[in-house]
Amino acid sequence: ENLKPIFEKSFNLSCDTLILSVGLIPENELSLMAGVELDPIT
């Protein structure tokens, strides 16, 4: 429930490709240059 792995219950999956779909991050480097305030949540 704390999102910590339970290692004693681990198992192997065979693959030659691992695909990550773990979130998107807004591209705001330019926004920061202009002094725009960012929302820490979004």
Full PDB file with SEQRES, HELIX, SHEET, SSBOND, CRYST1, ORIGX, SCALE, CONECT and MASTER records, all heavy atoms in Angstrom:
SEQRES   1 A   42  GLU ASN LEU LYS PRO ILE PHE GLU LYS SER PHE ASN LEU          
SEQRES   2 A   42  SER CYS ASP THR LEU ILE LEU SER VAL GLY LEU ILE PRO          
SEQRES   3 A   42  GLU ASN GLU LEU SER LEU MET ALA GLY VAL GLU LEU ASP          
SEQRES   4 A   42  PRO ILE THR                                                  
HELIX    1 AA1 PHE A    7  LYS A    9  5                                   3    
HELIX    2 AA2 GLU A   29  MET A   33  1                                   5    
CRYST1    1.000    1.000    1.000  90.00  90.00  90.00 P 1           1          
ORIGX1      1.000000  0.000000  0.000000        0.00000                         
ORIGX2      0.000000  1.000000  0.000000        0.00000                         
ORIGX3      0.000000  0.000000  1.000000        0.00000                         
SCALE1      1.000000  0.000000  0.000000        0.00000                         
SCALE2      0.000000  1.000000  0.000000        0.00000                         
SCALE3      0.000000  0.000000  1.000000        0.00000                         
ATOM      1  N   GLU A   1       0.812  -1.223   0.000  1.00  0.00           N  
ATOM      2  CA  GLU A   1       0.000   0.000   0.000  1.00  0.00           C  
ATOM      3  C   GLU A   1       0.841   1.266   0.000  1.00  0.00           C  
ATOM      4  O   GLU A   1       0.347   2.352  -0.332  1.00  0.00           O  
ATOM      5  CB  GLU A   1      -0.960   0.012   1.197  1.00  0.00           C  
ATOM      6  CG  GLU A   1      -0.296   0.000   2.567  1.00  0.00           C  
ATOM      7  CD  GLU A   1       0.014  -1.410   3.064  1.00  0.00           C  
ATOM      8  OE1 GLU A   1      -0.078  -2.364   2.258  1.00  0.00           O  
ATOM      9  OE2 GLU A   1       0.347  -1.553   4.260  1.00  0.00           O  
ATOM     10  N   ASN A   2       2.128   1.157   0.332  1.00  0.00           N  
ATOM     11  CA  ASN A   2       3.046   2.301   0.267  1.00  0.00           C  
ATOM     12  C   ASN A   2       3.859   2.314  -1.023  1.00  0.00           C  
ATOM     13  O   ASN A   2       4.831   3.056  -1.144  1.00  0.00           O  
ATOM     14  CB  ASN A   2       3.987   2.275   1.472  1.00  0.00           C  
ATOM     15  CG  ASN A   2       3.237   2.415   2.785  1.00  0.00           C  
ATOM     16  OD1 ASN A   2       2.367   3.270   2.914  1.00  0.00           O  
ATOM     17  ND2 ASN A   2       3.558   1.566   3.755  1.00  0.00           N  
ATOM     18  N   LEU A   3       3.461   1.470  -1.975  1.00  0.00           N  
ATOM     19  CA  LEU A   3       4.099   1.366  -3.295  1.00  0.00           C  
ATOM     20  C   LEU A   3       5.525   0.834  -3.216  1.00  0.00           C  
ATOM     21  O   LEU A   3       6.332   1.070  -4.116  1.00  0.00           O  
ATOM     22  CB  LEU A   3       4.066   2.713  -4.040  1.00  0.00           C  
ATOM     23  CG  LEU A   3       2.689   3.376  -4.182  1.00  0.00           C  
ATOM     24  CD1 LEU A   3       2.808   4.668  -4.976  1.00  0.00           C  
ATOM     25  CD2 LEU A   3       1.696   2.437  -4.844  1.00  0.00           C  
ATOM     26  N   LYS A   4       5.842   0.110  -2.153  1.00  0.00           N  
ATOM     27  CA  LYS A   4       7.154  -0.518  -2.004  1.00  0.00           C  
ATOM     28  C   LYS A   4       7.092  -1.956  -2.520  1.00  0.00           C  
ATOM     29  O   LYS A   4       6.163  -2.704  -2.181  1.00  0.00           O  
ATOM     30  CB  LYS A   4       7.589  -0.524  -0.539  1.00  0.00           C  
ATOM     31  CG  LYS A   4       7.699   0.867   0.086  1.00  0.00           C  
ATOM     32  CD  LYS A   4       8.763   1.709  -0.589  1.00  0.00           C  
ATOM     33  CE  LYS A   4       8.912   3.061   0.098  1.00  0.00           C  
ATOM     34  NZ  LYS A   4       9.899   3.918  -0.605  1.00  0.00           N  
ATOM     35  N   PRO A   5       8.076  -2.373  -3.343  1.00  0.00           N  
ATOM     36  CA  PRO A   5       8.040  -3.728  -3.908  1.00  0.00           C  
ATOM     37  C   PRO A   5       8.103  -4.811  -2.828  1.00  0.00           C  
ATOM     38  O   PRO A   5       8.813  -4.673  -1.831  1.00  0.00           O  
ATOM     39  CB  PRO A   5       9.288  -3.775  -4.795  1.00  0.00           C  
ATOM     40  CG  PRO A   5       9.628  -2.346  -5.081  1.00  0.00           C  
ATOM     41  CD  PRO A   5       9.206  -1.581  -3.862  1.00  0.00           C  
ATOM     42  N   ILE A   6       7.352  -5.875  -3.056  1.00  0.00           N  
ATOM     43  CA  ILE A   6       7.403  -7.058  -2.195  1.00  0.00           C  
ATOM     44  C   ILE A   6       8.301  -8.064  -2.914  1.00  0.00           C  
ATOM     45  O   ILE A   6       7.849  -8.864  -3.739  1.00  0.00           O  
ATOM     46  CB  ILE A   6       5.990  -7.625  -1.958  1.00  0.00           C  
ATOM     47  CG1 ILE A   6       5.056  -6.524  -1.413  1.00  0.00           C  
ATOM     48  CG2 ILE A   6       6.039  -8.813  -1.004  1.00  0.00           C  
ATOM     49  CD1 ILE A   6       3.595  -6.935  -1.337  1.00  0.00           C  
ATOM     50  N   PHE A   7       9.602  -8.029  -2.617  1.00  0.00           N  
ATOM     51  CA  PHE A   7      10.590  -8.766  -3.402  1.00  0.00           C  
ATOM     52  C   PHE A   7      10.410 -10.282  -3.303  1.00  0.00           C  
ATOM     53  O   PHE A   7      10.706 -11.012  -4.253  1.00  0.00           O  
ATOM     54  CB  PHE A   7      12.004  -8.374  -2.963  1.00  0.00           C  
ATOM     55  CG  PHE A   7      12.390  -6.983  -3.378  1.00  0.00           C  
ATOM     56  CD1 PHE A   7      12.318  -5.930  -2.475  1.00  0.00           C  
ATOM     57  CD2 PHE A   7      12.816  -6.721  -4.669  1.00  0.00           C  
ATOM     58  CE1 PHE A   7      12.662  -4.640  -2.853  1.00  0.00           C  
ATOM     59  CE2 PHE A   7      13.166  -5.442  -5.053  1.00  0.00           C  
ATOM     60  CZ  PHE A   7      13.089  -4.393  -4.146  1.00  0.00           C  
ATOM     61  N   GLU A   8       9.923 -10.768  -2.155  1.00  0.00           N  
ATOM     62  CA  GLU A   8       9.784 -12.221  -2.003  1.00  0.00           C  
ATOM     63  C   GLU A   8       8.693 -12.789  -2.918  1.00  0.00           C  
ATOM     64  O   GLU A   8       8.614 -14.007  -3.107  1.00  0.00           O  
ATOM     65  CB  GLU A   8       9.499 -12.585  -0.556  1.00  0.00           C  
ATOM     66  CG  GLU A   8       8.284 -11.921   0.066  1.00  0.00           C  
ATOM     67  CD  GLU A   8       8.613 -10.602   0.760  1.00  0.00           C  
ATOM     68  OE1 GLU A   8       9.630  -9.971   0.383  1.00  0.00           O  
ATOM     69  OE2 GLU A   8       7.869 -10.234   1.677  1.00  0.00           O  
ATOM     70  N   LYS A   9       7.872 -11.930  -3.510  1.00  0.00           N  
ATOM     71  CA  LYS A   9       6.835 -12.381  -4.443  1.00  0.00           C  
ATOM     72  C   LYS A   9       7.187 -12.044  -5.894  1.00  0.00           C  
ATOM     73  O   LYS A   9       6.327 -12.087  -6.770  1.00  0.00           O  
ATOM     74  CB  LYS A   9       5.490 -11.755  -4.080  1.00  0.00           C  
ATOM     75  CG  LYS A   9       4.932 -12.212  -2.741  1.00  0.00           C  
ATOM     76  CD  LYS A   9       3.548 -11.636  -2.488  1.00  0.00           C  
ATOM     77  CE  LYS A   9       2.985 -12.125  -1.165  1.00  0.00           C  
ATOM     78  NZ  LYS A   9       1.616 -11.593  -0.913  1.00  0.00           N  
ATOM     79  N   SER A  10       8.444 -11.719  -6.148  1.00  0.00           N  
ATOM     80  CA  SER A  10       8.853 -11.338  -7.504  1.00  0.00           C  
ATOM     81  C   SER A  10       8.830 -12.533  -8.449  1.00  0.00           C  
ATOM     82  O   SER A  10       8.892 -13.695  -8.013  1.00  0.00           O  
ATOM     83  CB  SER A  10      10.250 -10.714  -7.472  1.00  0.00           C  
ATOM     84  OG  SER A  10      11.206 -11.665  -7.067  1.00  0.00           O  
ATOM     85  N   PHE A  11       8.736 -12.238  -9.741  1.00  0.00           N  
ATOM     86  CA  PHE A  11       8.733 -13.280 -10.771  1.00  0.00           C  
ATOM     87  C   PHE A  11       9.352 -12.703 -12.044  1.00  0.00           C  
ATOM     88  O   PHE A  11       9.386 -11.482 -12.235  1.00  0.00           O  
ATOM     89  CB  PHE A  11       7.316 -13.787 -11.044  1.00  0.00           C  
ATOM     90  CG  PHE A  11       6.329 -12.705 -11.414  1.00  0.00           C  
ATOM     91  CD1 PHE A  11       6.056 -12.391 -12.744  1.00  0.00           C  
ATOM     92  CD2 PHE A  11       5.662 -11.991 -10.418  1.00  0.00           C  
ATOM     93  CE1 PHE A  11       5.143 -11.405 -13.073  1.00  0.00           C  
ATOM     94  CE2 PHE A  11       4.748 -10.985 -10.742  1.00  0.00           C  
ATOM     95  CZ  PHE A  11       4.491 -10.690 -12.070  1.00  0.00           C  
ATOM     96  N   ASN A  12       9.848 -13.586 -12.900  1.00  0.00           N  
ATOM     97  CA  ASN A  12      10.520 -13.168 -14.126  1.00  0.00           C  
ATOM     98  C   ASN A  12       9.557 -13.180 -15.315  1.00  0.00           C  
ATOM     99  O   ASN A  12       8.690 -14.056 -15.414  1.00  0.00           O  
ATOM    100  CB  ASN A  12      11.717 -14.063 -14.437  1.00  0.00           C  
ATOM    101  CG  ASN A  12      12.875 -13.842 -13.478  1.00  0.00           C  
ATOM    102  OD1 ASN A  12      12.845 -12.907 -12.666  1.00  0.00           O  
ATOM    103  ND2 ASN A  12      13.886 -14.682 -13.549  1.00  0.00           N  
ATOM    104  N   LEU A  13       9.739 -12.208 -16.197  1.00  0.00           N  
ATOM    105  CA  LEU A  13       9.024 -12.163 -17.467  1.00  0.00           C  
ATOM    106  C   LEU A  13      10.057 -12.092 -18.587  1.00  0.00           C  
ATOM    107  O   LEU A  13      10.943 -11.237 -18.564  1.00  0.00           O  
ATOM    108  CB  LEU A  13       8.105 -10.938 -17.535  1.00  0.00           C  
ATOM    109  CG  LEU A  13       6.869 -10.942 -16.620  1.00  0.00           C  
ATOM    110  CD1 LEU A  13       6.225  -9.562 -16.600  1.00  0.00           C  
ATOM    111  CD2 LEU A  13       5.854 -11.989 -17.081  1.00  0.00           C  
ATOM    112  N   SER A  14       9.940 -12.985 -19.549  1.00  0.00           N  
ATOM    113  CA  SER A  14      10.873 -13.002 -20.675  1.00  0.00           C  
ATOM    114  C   SER A  14      10.483 -11.942 -21.698  1.00  0.00           C  
ATOM    115  O   SER A  14       9.303 -11.803 -22.049  1.00  0.00           O  
ATOM    116  CB  SER A  14      10.864 -14.385 -21.327  1.00  0.00           C  
ATOM    117  OG  SER A  14      11.637 -14.378 -22.513  1.00  0.00           O  
ATOM    118  N   CYS A  15      11.465 -11.161 -22.164  1.00  0.00           N  
ATOM    119  CA  CYS A  15      11.213 -10.165 -23.208  1.00  0.00           C  
ATOM    120  C   CYS A  15      12.540  -9.663 -23.752  1.00  0.00           C  
ATOM    121  O   CYS A  15      13.574  -9.741 -23.075  1.00  0.00           O  
ATOM    122  CB  CYS A  15      10.392  -8.988 -22.678  1.00  0.00           C  
ATOM    123  SG  CYS A  15      11.241  -8.007 -21.415  1.00  0.00           S  
ATOM    124  N   ASP A  16      12.519  -9.169 -24.991  1.00  0.00           N  
ATOM    125  CA  ASP A  16      13.700  -8.489 -25.524  1.00  0.00           C  
ATOM    126  C   ASP A  16      13.410  -7.008 -25.754  1.00  0.00           C  
ATOM    127  O   ASP A  16      14.224  -6.286 -26.329  1.00  0.00           O  
ATOM    128  CB  ASP A  16      14.185  -9.157 -26.820  1.00  0.00           C  
ATOM    129  CG  ASP A  16      13.207  -9.011 -27.976  1.00  0.00           C  
ATOM    130  OD1 ASP A  16      12.076  -8.515 -27.754  1.00  0.00           O  
ATOM    131  OD2 ASP A  16      13.565  -9.400 -29.103  1.00  0.00           O  
ATOM    132  N   THR A  17      12.225  -6.560 -25.288  1.00  0.00           N  
ATOM    133  CA  THR A  17      11.826  -5.160 -25.433  1.00  0.00           C  
ATOM    134  C   THR A  17      11.038  -4.746 -24.200  1.00  0.00           C  
ATOM    135  O   THR A  17      10.058  -5.406 -23.842  1.00  0.00           O  
ATOM    136  CB  THR A  17      10.949  -4.962 -26.693  1.00  0.00           C  
ATOM    137  OG1 THR A  17      11.649  -5.441 -27.836  1.00  0.00           O  
ATOM    138  CG2 THR A  17      10.606  -3.487 -26.887  1.00  0.00           C  
ATOM    139  N   LEU A  18      11.475  -3.677 -23.544  1.00  0.00           N  
ATOM    140  CA  LEU A  18      10.737  -3.089 -22.421  1.00  0.00           C  
ATOM    141  C   LEU A  18      10.284  -1.701 -22.833  1.00  0.00           C  
ATOM    142  O   LEU A  18      11.100  -0.874 -23.248  1.00  0.00           O  
ATOM    143  CB  LEU A  18      11.611  -3.009 -21.170  1.00  0.00           C  
ATOM    144  CG  LEU A  18      10.977  -2.302 -19.955  1.00  0.00           C  
ATOM    145  CD1 LEU A  18       9.753  -3.063 -19.456  1.00  0.00           C  
ATOM    146  CD2 LEU A  18      11.998  -2.135 -18.827  1.00  0.00           C  
ATOM    147  N   ILE A  19       8.980  -1.474 -22.726  1.00  0.00           N  
ATOM    148  CA  ILE A  19       8.395  -0.202 -23.155  1.00  0.00           C  
ATOM    149  C   ILE A  19       7.892   0.543 -21.923  1.00  0.00           C  
ATOM    150  O   ILE A  19       7.140  -0.006 -21.114  1.00  0.00           O  
ATOM    151  CB  ILE A  19       7.245  -0.442 -24.149  1.00  0.00           C  
ATOM    152  CG1 ILE A  19       7.774  -1.191 -25.384  1.00  0.00           C  
ATOM    153  CG2 ILE A  19       6.593   0.868 -24.560  1.00  0.00           C  
ATOM    154  CD1 ILE A  19       6.692  -1.690 -26.309  1.00  0.00           C  
ATOM    155  N   LEU A  20       8.325   1.794 -21.788  1.00  0.00           N  
ATOM    156  CA  LEU A  20       7.962   2.611 -20.632  1.00  0.00           C  
ATOM    157  C   LEU A  20       6.830   3.564 -20.993  1.00  0.00           C  
ATOM    158  O   LEU A  20       6.943   4.358 -21.930  1.00  0.00           O  
ATOM    159  CB  LEU A  20       9.172   3.415 -20.155  1.00  0.00           C  
ATOM    160  CG  LEU A  20      10.445   2.616 -19.852  1.00  0.00           C  
ATOM    161  CD1 LEU A  20      11.558   3.560 -19.425  1.00  0.00           C  
ATOM    162  CD2 LEU A  20      10.188   1.560 -18.791  1.00  0.00           C  
ATOM    163  N   SER A  21       5.741   3.476 -20.239  1.00  0.00           N  
ATOM    164  CA  SER A  21       4.615   4.395 -20.403  1.00  0.00           C  
ATOM    165  C   SER A  21       4.294   4.945 -19.015  1.00  0.00           C  
ATOM    166  O   SER A  21       3.269   4.631 -18.412  1.00  0.00           O  
ATOM    167  CB  SER A  21       3.411   3.662 -21.001  1.00  0.00           C  
ATOM    168  OG  SER A  21       2.315   4.531 -21.185  1.00  0.00           O  
ATOM    169  N   VAL A  22       5.225   5.744 -18.498  1.00  0.00           N  
ATOM    170  CA  VAL A  22       5.212   6.104 -17.075  1.00  0.00           C  
ATOM    171  C   VAL A  22       4.993   7.599 -16.843  1.00  0.00           C  
ATOM    172  O   VAL A  22       5.423   8.147 -15.838  1.00  0.00           O  
ATOM    173  CB  VAL A  22       6.525   5.644 -16.403  1.00  0.00           C  
ATOM    174  CG1 VAL A  22       6.571   4.137 -16.332  1.00  0.00           C  
ATOM    175  CG2 VAL A  22       7.752   6.178 -17.141  1.00  0.00           C  
ATOM    176  N   GLY A  23       4.299   8.240 -17.761  1.00  0.00           N  
ATOM    177  CA  GLY A  23       3.933   9.625 -17.519  1.00  0.00           C  
ATOM    178  C   GLY A  23       4.493  10.600 -18.524  1.00  0.00           C  
ATOM    179  O   GLY A  23       5.454  10.312 -19.236  1.00  0.00           O  
ATOM    180  N   LEU A  24       3.875  11.770 -18.572  1.00  0.00           N  
ATOM    181  CA  LEU A  24       4.249  12.850 -19.477  1.00  0.00           C  
ATOM    182  C   LEU A  24       4.557  14.101 -18.669  1.00  0.00           C  
ATOM    183  O   LEU A  24       3.927  14.355 -17.638  1.00  0.00           O  
ATOM    184  CB  LEU A  24       3.127  13.121 -20.476  1.00  0.00           C  
ATOM    185  CG  LEU A  24       2.729  11.939 -21.368  1.00  0.00           C  
ATOM    186  CD1 LEU A  24       1.412  12.224 -22.087  1.00  0.00           C  
ATOM    187  CD2 LEU A  24       3.822  11.628 -22.375  1.00  0.00           C  
ATOM    188  N   ILE A  25       5.513  14.878 -19.153  1.00  0.00           N  
ATOM    189  CA  ILE A  25       5.951  16.083 -18.458  1.00  0.00           C  
ATOM    190  C   ILE A  25       5.798  17.270 -19.402  1.00  0.00           C  
ATOM    191  O   ILE A  25       6.390  17.286 -20.484  1.00  0.00           O  
ATOM    192  CB  ILE A  25       7.433  15.975 -18.030  1.00  0.00           C  
ATOM    193  CG1 ILE A  25       7.660  14.709 -17.204  1.00  0.00           C  
ATOM    194  CG2 ILE A  25       7.868  17.222 -17.264  1.00  0.00           C  
ATOM    195  CD1 ILE A  25       9.130  14.389 -16.991  1.00  0.00           C  
ATOM    196  N   PRO A  26       4.989  18.285 -19.060  1.00  0.00           N  
ATOM    197  CA  PRO A  26       4.882  19.467 -19.915  1.00  0.00           C  
ATOM    198  C   PRO A  26       6.244  20.117 -20.169  1.00  0.00           C  
ATOM    199  O   PRO A  26       7.071  20.220 -19.264  1.00  0.00           O  
ATOM    200  CB  PRO A  26       3.962  20.399 -19.113  1.00  0.00           C  
ATOM    201  CG  PRO A  26       3.129  19.469 -18.282  1.00  0.00           C  
ATOM    202  CD  PRO A  26       4.069  18.344 -17.906  1.00  0.00           C  
ATOM    203  N   GLU A  27       6.466  20.549 -21.412  1.00  0.00           N  
ATOM    204  CA  GLU A  27       7.738  21.165 -21.831  1.00  0.00           C  
ATOM    205  C   GLU A  27       7.731  22.650 -21.475  1.00  0.00           C  
ATOM    206  O   GLU A  27       7.210  23.466 -22.238  1.00  0.00           O  
ATOM    207  CB  GLU A  27       7.907  21.012 -23.345  1.00  0.00           C  
ATOM    208  CG  GLU A  27       8.206  19.605 -23.802  1.00  0.00           C  
ATOM    209  CD  GLU A  27       9.691  19.378 -24.032  1.00  0.00           C  
ATOM    210  OE1 GLU A  27      10.499  20.178 -23.525  1.00  0.00           O  
ATOM    211  OE2 GLU A  27      10.029  18.420 -24.724  1.00  0.00           O  
ATOM    212  N   ASN A  28       8.317  23.013 -20.347  1.00  0.00           N  
ATOM    213  CA  ASN A  28       8.188  24.395 -19.885  1.00  0.00           C  
ATOM    214  C   ASN A  28       9.508  25.097 -19.607  1.00  0.00           C  
ATOM    215  O   ASN A  28       9.555  26.070 -18.854  1.00  0.00           O  
ATOM    216  CB  ASN A  28       7.293  24.437 -18.646  1.00  0.00           C  
ATOM    217  CG  ASN A  28       5.825  24.517 -19.025  1.00  0.00           C  
ATOM    218  OD1 ASN A  28       5.376  25.510 -19.596  1.00  0.00           O  
ATOM    219  ND2 ASN A  28       5.078  23.467 -18.735  1.00  0.00           N  
ATOM    220  N   GLU A  29      10.575  24.632 -20.251  1.00  0.00           N  
ATOM    221  CA  GLU A  29      11.853  25.333 -20.090  1.00  0.00           C  
ATOM    222  C   GLU A  29      11.751  26.775 -20.592  1.00  0.00           C  
ATOM    223  O   GLU A  29      12.268  27.716 -19.960  1.00  0.00           O  
ATOM    224  CB  GLU A  29      12.957  24.579 -20.825  1.00  0.00           C  
ATOM    225  CG  GLU A  29      13.391  23.287 -20.147  1.00  0.00           C  
ATOM    226  CD  GLU A  29      12.391  22.153 -20.287  1.00  0.00           C  
ATOM    227  OE1 GLU A  29      11.496  22.248 -21.163  1.00  0.00           O  
ATOM    228  OE2 GLU A  29      12.494  21.181 -19.528  1.00  0.00           O  
ATOM    229  N   LEU A  30      11.084  26.976 -21.726  1.00  0.00           N  
ATOM    230  CA  LEU A  30      10.918  28.339 -22.251  1.00  0.00           C  
ATOM    231  C   LEU A  30      10.032  29.176 -21.339  1.00  0.00           C  
ATOM    232  O   LEU A  30      10.269  30.372 -21.152  1.00  0.00           O  
ATOM    233  CB  LEU A  30      10.325  28.291 -23.666  1.00  0.00           C  
ATOM    234  CG  LEU A  30      11.211  27.722 -24.767  1.00  0.00           C  
ATOM    235  CD1 LEU A  30      10.439  27.618 -26.076  1.00  0.00           C  
ATOM    236  CD2 LEU A  30      12.453  28.593 -24.967  1.00  0.00           C  
ATOM    237  N   SER A  31       9.009  28.553 -20.769  1.00  0.00           N  
ATOM    238  CA  SER A  31       8.113  29.274 -19.855  1.00  0.00           C  
ATOM    239  C   SER A  31       8.895  29.828 -18.666  1.00  0.00           C  
ATOM    240  O   SER A  31       8.695  30.984 -18.248  1.00  0.00           O  
ATOM    241  CB  SER A  31       7.003  28.343 -19.365  1.00  0.00           C  
ATOM    242  OG  SER A  31       6.354  27.703 -20.439  1.00  0.00           O  
ATOM    243  N   LEU A  32       9.793  29.016 -18.115  1.00  0.00           N  
ATOM    244  CA  LEU A  32      10.595  29.462 -16.977  1.00  0.00           C  
ATOM    245  C   LEU A  32      11.509  30.613 -17.355  1.00  0.00           C  
ATOM    246  O   LEU A  32      11.755  31.515 -16.541  1.00  0.00           O  
ATOM    247  CB  LEU A  32      11.410  28.289 -16.433  1.00  0.00           C  
ATOM    248  CG  LEU A  32      10.600  27.181 -15.734  1.00  0.00           C  
ATOM    249  CD1 LEU A  32      11.484  25.984 -15.427  1.00  0.00           C  
ATOM    250  CD2 LEU A  32       9.955  27.708 -14.455  1.00  0.00           C  
ATOM    251  N   MET A  33      12.035  30.594 -18.592  1.00  0.00           N  
ATOM    252  CA  MET A  33      12.876  31.708 -19.049  1.00  0.00           C  
ATOM    253  C   MET A  33      12.137  33.038 -18.962  1.00  0.00           C  
ATOM    254  O   MET A  33      12.731  34.077 -18.659  1.00  0.00           O  
ATOM    255  CB  MET A  33      13.313  31.486 -20.500  1.00  0.00           C  
ATOM    256  CG  MET A  33      14.382  30.457 -20.706  1.00  0.00           C  
ATOM    257  SD  MET A  33      14.846  30.435 -22.462  1.00  0.00           S  
ATOM    258  CE  MET A  33      16.018  29.085 -22.460  1.00  0.00           C  
ATOM    259  N   ALA A  34      10.836  33.009 -19.240  1.00  0.00           N  
ATOM    260  CA  ALA A  34      10.045  34.238 -19.248  1.00  0.00           C  
ATOM    261  C   ALA A  34       9.507  34.594 -17.867  1.00  0.00           C  
ATOM    262  O   ALA A  34       8.801  35.590 -17.722  1.00  0.00           O  
ATOM    263  CB  ALA A  34       8.888  34.099 -20.234  1.00  0.00           C  
ATOM    264  N   GLY A  35       9.826  33.789 -16.853  1.00  0.00           N  
ATOM    265  CA  GLY A  35       9.361  34.077 -15.504  1.00  0.00           C  
ATOM    266  C   GLY A  35       7.944  33.646 -15.221  1.00  0.00           C  
ATOM    267  O   GLY A  35       7.316  34.122 -14.272  1.00  0.00           O  
ATOM    268  N   VAL A  36       7.417  32.711 -16.024  1.00  0.00           N  
ATOM    269  CA  VAL A  36       6.055  32.225 -15.838  1.00  0.00           C  
ATOM    270  C   VAL A  36       6.003  31.308 -14.620  1.00  0.00           C  
ATOM    271  O   VAL A  36       6.849  30.423 -14.445  1.00  0.00           O  
ATOM    272  CB  VAL A  36       5.581  31.471 -17.098  1.00  0.00           C  
ATOM    273  CG1 VAL A  36       4.284  30.723 -16.844  1.00  0.00           C  
ATOM    274  CG2 VAL A  36       5.413  32.446 -18.260  1.00  0.00           C  
ATOM    275  N   GLU A  37       4.993  31.485 -13.772  1.00  0.00           N  
ATOM    276  CA  GLU A  37       4.810  30.624 -12.607  1.00  0.00           C  
ATOM    277  C   GLU A  37       4.253  29.276 -13.045  1.00  0.00           C  
ATOM    278  O   GLU A  37       3.295  29.214 -13.831  1.00  0.00           O  
ATOM    279  CB  GLU A  37       3.846  31.278 -11.613  1.00  0.00           C  
ATOM    280  CG  GLU A  37       3.586  30.430 -10.366  1.00  0.00           C  
ATOM    281  CD  GLU A  37       2.499  30.999  -9.473  1.00  0.00           C  
ATOM    282  OE1 GLU A  37       2.061  32.151  -9.692  1.00  0.00           O  
ATOM    283  OE2 GLU A  37       2.058  30.273  -8.542  1.00  0.00           O  
ATOM    284  N   LEU A  38       4.824  28.181 -12.523  1.00  0.00           N  
ATOM    285  CA  LEU A  38       4.352  26.845 -12.845  1.00  0.00           C  
ATOM    286  C   LEU A  38       3.574  26.252 -11.677  1.00  0.00           C  
ATOM    287  O   LEU A  38       3.887  26.501 -10.516  1.00  0.00           O  
ATOM    288  CB  LEU A  38       5.523  25.921 -13.192  1.00  0.00           C  
ATOM    289  CG  LEU A  38       6.395  26.293 -14.395  1.00  0.00           C  
ATOM    290  CD1 LEU A  38       7.387  25.177 -14.685  1.00  0.00           C  
ATOM    291  CD2 LEU A  38       5.556  26.605 -15.622  1.00  0.00           C  
ATOM    292  N   ASP A  39       2.560  25.457 -12.015  1.00  0.00           N  
ATOM    293  CA  ASP A  39       1.785  24.728 -11.014  1.00  0.00           C  
ATOM    294  C   ASP A  39       2.570  23.468 -10.645  1.00  0.00           C  
ATOM    295  O   ASP A  39       2.882  22.658 -11.521  1.00  0.00           O  
ATOM    296  CB  ASP A  39       0.422  24.352 -11.606  1.00  0.00           C  
ATOM    297  CG  ASP A  39      -0.501  23.686 -10.600  1.00  0.00           C  
ATOM    298  OD1 ASP A  39      -0.023  22.838  -9.812  1.00  0.00           O  
ATOM    299  OD2 ASP A  39      -1.706  23.988 -10.599  1.00  0.00           O  
ATOM    300  N   PRO A  40       2.900  23.260  -9.369  1.00  0.00           N  
ATOM    301  CA  PRO A  40       3.708  22.081  -9.000  1.00  0.00           C  
ATOM    302  C   PRO A  40       2.986  20.756  -9.222  1.00  0.00           C  
ATOM    303  O   PRO A  40       3.639  19.713  -9.301  1.00  0.00           O  
ATOM    304  CB  PRO A  40       3.995  22.306  -7.509  1.00  0.00           C  
ATOM    305  CG  PRO A  40       2.919  23.224  -7.041  1.00  0.00           C  
ATOM    306  CD  PRO A  40       2.588  24.104  -8.206  1.00  0.00           C  
ATOM    307  N   ILE A  41       1.674  20.767  -9.342  1.00  0.00           N  
ATOM    308  CA  ILE A  41       0.918  19.530  -9.558  1.00  0.00           C  
ATOM    309  C   ILE A  41       0.864  19.175 -11.042  1.00  0.00           C  
ATOM    310  O   ILE A  41       1.202  18.058 -11.446  1.00  0.00           O  
ATOM    311  CB  ILE A  41      -0.508  19.640  -8.990  1.00  0.00           C  
ATOM    312  CG1 ILE A  41      -0.456  19.950  -7.487  1.00  0.00           C  
ATOM    313  CG2 ILE A  41      -1.289  18.354  -9.261  1.00  0.00           C  
ATOM    314  CD1 ILE A  41       0.216  18.879  -6.662  1.00  0.00           C  
ATOM    315  N   THR A  42       0.448  20.102 -11.898  1.00  0.00           N  
ATOM    316  CA  THR A  42       0.327  19.810 -13.334  1.00  0.00           C  
ATOM    317  C   THR A  42       1.667  19.899 -14.052  1.00  0.00           C  
ATOM    318  O   THR A  42       1.844  19.288 -15.105  1.00  0.00           O  
ATOM    319  CB  THR A  42      -0.647  20.785 -14.005  1.00  0.00           C  
ATOM    320  OG1 THR A  42      -0.107  22.130 -13.931  1.00  0.00           O  
ATOM    321  CG2 THR A  42      -2.011  20.759 -13.332  1.00  0.00           C  
TER     322      THR A  42                                                      
MASTER        0    0    0    2    0    0    0    6  321    1    0    4          
END                                                                             
